[in-house]
Amino acid sequence: MWKNLHAHFTEPELVELGSFIGYIAGGQRWISTLGIGHGEVLAETTVGLSPQAAQQVKARAGGAAR
């Protein structure tokens, strides 16, 4: 696997990729530990969403999303 990864990524890229995967996996585990379901917290926010997804959130919230 390491050889295949090196065929596509440099060493610094692999370190960054591994770090990001660890960050996301840890965050997901923490959310699971807290028993938070998808969309239960800050479901009305649009931060980090594409313009299309933000528009859908705003439409569901009656236009009040930030």
Protein backbone atom coordinates (compact mmCIF):
# COMPACT_ATOMS: atom_id res chain seq x y z
CA MET A 1 0.00 0.00 0.00
CA TRP A 2 2.82 2.40 0.91
CA LYS A 3 4.40 1.93 -2.53
CA ASN A 4 1.08 2.63 -4.25
CA LEU A 5 0.55 5.77 -2.17
CA HIS A 6 4.05 7.03 -3.03
CA ALA A 7 3.22 6.61 -6.70
CA HIS A 8 0.63 9.37 -6.30
CA PHE A 9 1.74 11.47 -3.32
CA THR A 10 4.94 13.00 -1.97
CA GLU A 11 6.06 12.32 1.59
CA PRO A 12 4.78 15.70 2.89
CA GLU A 13 1.44 15.12 1.14
CA LEU A 14 1.12 11.71 2.79
CA VAL A 15 1.83 13.23 6.20
CA GLU A 16 -0.82 15.90 5.60
CA LEU A 17 -3.31 13.33 4.29
CA GLY A 18 -2.74 11.06 7.28
CA SER A 19 -3.12 13.97 9.67
CA PHE A 20 -6.39 15.05 8.05
CA ILE A 21 -7.79 11.51 8.07
CA GLY A 22 -6.90 11.20 11.75
CA TYR A 23 -8.54 14.54 12.52
CA ILE A 24 -11.77 13.60 10.73
CA ALA A 25 -11.87 10.06 12.14
CA GLY A 26 -11.29 11.37 15.67
CA GLY A 27 -13.99 14.00 15.26
CA GLN A 28 -16.46 11.43 14.02
CA ARG A 29 -15.66 9.14 16.94
CA TRP A 30 -16.19 12.04 19.38
CA ILE A 31 -19.55 12.90 17.79
CA SER A 32 -20.56 9.25 18.06
CA THR A 33 -19.46 9.14 21.70
CA LEU A 34 -21.65 12.14 22.44
CA GLY A 35 -24.57 10.45 20.70
CA ILE A 36 -25.11 13.34 18.28
CA GLY A 37 -27.02 12.42 15.13
CA HIS A 38 -26.52 13.94 11.69
CA GLY A 39 -28.00 17.44 11.56
CA GLU A 40 -28.87 17.61 15.26
CA VAL A 41 -26.42 20.40 16.10
CA LEU A 42 -26.11 23.62 14.08
CA ALA A 43 -28.28 22.17 11.33
CA GLU A 44 -29.47 25.64 10.38
CA THR A 45 -26.00 27.07 9.66
CA THR A 46 -24.57 27.39 6.16
CA VAL A 47 -20.88 27.86 7.01
CA GLY A 48 -18.72 25.72 4.74
CA LEU A 49 -21.55 24.73 2.40
CA SER A 50 -21.67 25.23 -1.33
CA PRO A 51 -23.97 28.05 -2.45
CA GLN A 52 -26.53 25.49 -3.63
CA ALA A 53 -26.52 23.57 -0.35
CA ALA A 54 -26.69 26.84 1.62
CA GLN A 55 -29.73 27.89 -0.38
CA GLN A 56 -31.46 24.59 0.44
CA VAL A 57 -30.74 25.03 4.16
CA LYS A 58 -32.06 28.59 4.04
CA ALA A 59 -35.21 27.46 2.25
CA ARG A 60 -35.87 24.77 4.87
CA ALA A 61 -35.29 27.27 7.68
CA GLY A 62 -37.52 29.90 6.13
CA GLY A 63 -34.61 32.09 5.02
CA ALA A 64 -33.23 32.65 8.54
CA ALA A 65 -30.01 30.62 8.22
CA ARG A 66 -26.66 32.37 8.64
